[in-house]
Amino acid sequence: MSSAPLASVLFVCIHNAGRSQMAAGFLSHLAGDRVEVRSAGSVPADQINPAAVEAMRELGIDISEQKPKVLTTEAVQASDYVITMGCGDACPIFPGKKYLDWALEDPAGKGVESVRPIRDVIKKRIEALIAEIDAKQEA
C-alpha cells in the first residue's frame, strides 16, 4: 500500500545546475518516496555543473541525468517547502508555503575540490529538513 508523500519540496537557485540539483539529489536519496522533490532555476543553465555531478558521485548519488528546469508558478504552488539558494526576488511568494533561504556559495565555475564543502553543507541541511518533516508527521 503506497501512501502520499509527507511533503513536497522545491529547491530553487539561479541556474538549477549546482546547489539546487545537489539538494534535490540528497533529498531524493535520503528520503526516498516519503518526500516529493522538485528543483528549478530562475535562469536555467544549459546543463548541470560537472563538478556538482562529480561531487555527488563521490557519495554514490547520480544526478548526471538531471536537466536544469525553469522556475514556474505551478511548481511553487505545488510545493509545501520552497528552499531558495540565491535566486533573490525571482522566486514567487505564495501564502501557506514554508520559505527557507539557504545562503550557499555558488559552485558555478569551480572545480570539484571547491564544490565538496558546499555539497557537505547541503547534506547537513537536507538531513535537518528530513528530521523536521518527519517530526511534523509525528506531532
Protein backbone atom coordinates (compact mmCIF):
# COMPACT_ATOMS: atom_id res chain seq x y z
CA MET A 1 0.00 0.00 0.00
CA SER A 2 1.63 3.25 -1.06
CA SER A 3 0.88 6.46 0.74
CA ALA A 4 1.10 10.05 -0.35
CA PRO A 5 4.40 11.86 0.26
CA LEU A 6 4.75 13.55 3.65
CA ALA A 7 5.72 16.82 1.97
CA SER A 8 6.70 18.39 -1.33
CA VAL A 9 9.94 20.38 -1.55
CA LEU A 10 11.09 22.74 -4.30
CA PHE A 11 14.75 23.79 -4.44
CA VAL A 12 15.41 26.99 -6.38
CA CYS A 13 18.68 28.60 -7.42
CA ILE A 14 19.60 30.81 -10.34
CA HIS A 15 20.86 28.24 -12.85
CA ASN A 16 19.42 25.00 -11.40
CA ALA A 17 22.79 23.47 -12.22
CA GLY A 18 24.60 23.07 -8.90
CA ARG A 19 23.19 23.82 -5.44
CA SER A 20 19.54 23.03 -6.14
CA GLN A 21 20.44 19.87 -8.07
CA MET A 22 22.69 18.61 -5.26
CA ALA A 23 19.96 19.36 -2.70
CA ALA A 24 17.33 17.55 -4.78
CA GLY A 25 19.70 14.60 -5.22
CA PHE A 26 20.33 14.33 -1.47
CA LEU A 27 16.65 14.64 -0.57
CA SER A 28 15.58 12.01 -3.11
CA HIS A 29 18.39 9.70 -1.96
CA LEU A 30 17.87 10.13 1.80
CA ALA A 31 14.06 10.45 2.00
CA GLY A 32 13.09 8.17 -0.89
CA ASP A 33 9.44 8.43 -1.86
CA ARG A 34 8.46 9.91 1.52
CA VAL A 35 9.08 13.40 0.08
CA GLU A 36 8.23 14.74 -3.37
CA VAL A 37 11.27 16.59 -4.75
CA ARG A 38 11.47 19.35 -7.38
CA SER A 39 14.18 21.77 -8.44
CA ALA A 40 14.22 24.76 -10.76
CA GLY A 41 16.12 27.88 -11.65
CA SER A 42 15.18 31.48 -12.36
CA VAL A 43 17.62 31.47 -15.34
CA PRO A 44 18.35 27.77 -16.02
CA ALA A 45 21.75 26.76 -17.39
CA ASP A 46 22.21 24.52 -20.42
CA GLN A 47 23.49 21.63 -18.30
CA ILE A 48 24.25 20.58 -14.76
CA ASN A 49 27.58 21.68 -13.33
CA PRO A 50 30.01 18.76 -13.97
CA ALA A 51 31.80 19.43 -10.66
CA ALA A 52 28.47 19.07 -8.82
CA VAL A 53 27.81 15.79 -10.64
CA GLU A 54 31.27 14.50 -9.68
CA ALA A 55 30.99 15.66 -6.04
CA MET A 56 27.67 13.82 -5.68
CA ARG A 57 29.01 10.73 -7.48
CA GLU A 58 31.73 10.52 -4.80
CA LEU A 59 28.93 9.86 -2.28
CA GLY A 60 27.15 7.35 -4.51
CA ILE A 61 24.41 9.71 -5.74
CA ASP A 62 24.00 10.06 -9.51
CA ILE A 63 22.50 13.38 -10.66
CA SER A 64 24.05 13.19 -14.13
CA GLU A 65 20.72 12.60 -15.90
CA GLN A 66 19.06 15.68 -14.39
CA LYS A 67 18.41 18.74 -16.56
CA PRO A 68 18.12 22.37 -15.42
CA LYS A 69 14.45 23.41 -15.40
CA VAL A 70 12.83 26.84 -15.45
CA LEU A 71 11.07 28.01 -12.30
CA THR A 72 7.29 28.06 -12.78
CA THR A 73 4.50 29.44 -10.64
CA GLU A 74 2.90 25.98 -10.77
CA ALA A 75 5.97 24.33 -9.21
CA VAL A 76 5.88 26.80 -6.32
CA GLN A 77 2.13 26.37 -5.82
CA ALA A 78 2.50 22.56 -5.75
CA SER A 79 5.20 22.62 -3.05
CA ASP A 80 4.95 22.72 0.75
CA TYR A 81 8.53 23.93 1.17
CA VAL A 82 10.29 26.37 -1.16
CA ILE A 83 14.01 26.49 -0.46
CA THR A 84 15.85 29.26 -2.26
CA MET A 85 19.60 29.38 -2.78
CA GLY A 86 20.44 32.81 -4.09
CA CYS A 87 17.61 33.44 -6.54
CA GLY A 88 16.63 36.66 -4.80
CA ASP A 89 13.43 38.34 -5.92
CA ALA A 90 12.89 35.93 -8.83
CA CYS A 91 11.08 33.47 -6.55
CA PRO A 92 7.30 33.97 -6.43
CA ILE A 93 5.77 34.09 -2.95
CA PHE A 94 2.51 32.31 -2.13
CA PRO A 95 0.73 32.21 1.23
CA GLY A 96 0.81 28.91 3.12
CA LYS A 97 4.23 27.81 1.86
CA LYS A 98 7.25 27.46 4.10
CA TYR A 99 10.10 29.50 2.62
CA LEU A 100 13.70 28.90 3.61
CA ASP A 101 16.66 30.77 2.17
CA TRP A 102 19.87 28.82 2.32
CA ALA A 103 22.84 31.13 1.82
CA LEU A 104 25.27 28.88 -0.05
CA GLU A 105 28.28 29.69 -2.17
CA ASP A 106 27.59 29.32 -5.89
CA PRO A 107 29.59 26.36 -7.28
CA ALA A 108 29.46 27.73 -10.85
CA GLY A 109 32.89 27.68 -12.45
CA LYS A 110 34.51 25.89 -9.50
CA GLY A 111 36.34 22.57 -9.52
CA VAL A 112 35.17 19.54 -7.56
CA GLU A 113 37.55 20.30 -4.66
CA SER A 114 35.74 23.64 -4.18
CA VAL A 115 32.30 22.07 -4.59
CA ARG A 116 32.79 19.39 -1.89
CA PRO A 117 32.40 21.80 1.07
CA ILE A 118 29.21 23.26 -0.48
CA ARG A 119 27.91 19.71 -1.03
CA ASP A 120 28.64 18.81 2.58
CA VAL A 121 26.75 21.84 3.94
CA ILE A 122 23.79 20.98 1.70
CA LYS A 123 23.79 17.39 3.01
CA LYS A 124 23.62 18.60 6.64
CA ARG A 125 20.75 20.95 5.81
CA ILE A 126 18.88 18.17 3.98
CA GLU A 127 19.26 15.85 6.97
CA ALA A 128 17.81 18.58 9.23
CA LEU A 129 14.96 19.20 6.76
CA ILE A 130 14.07 15.49 6.71
CA ALA A 131 14.06 15.46 10.53
CA GLU A 132 11.73 18.49 10.53
CA ILE A 133 9.34 16.89 8.00
CA ASP A 134 9.32 13.63 9.97
CA ALA A 135 8.72 15.48 13.27
CA LYS A 136 5.68 17.28 11.80
CA GLN A 137 4.16 13.91 10.89
CA GLU A 138 4.66 12.58 14.41
CA ALA A 139 3.20 15.68 16.09
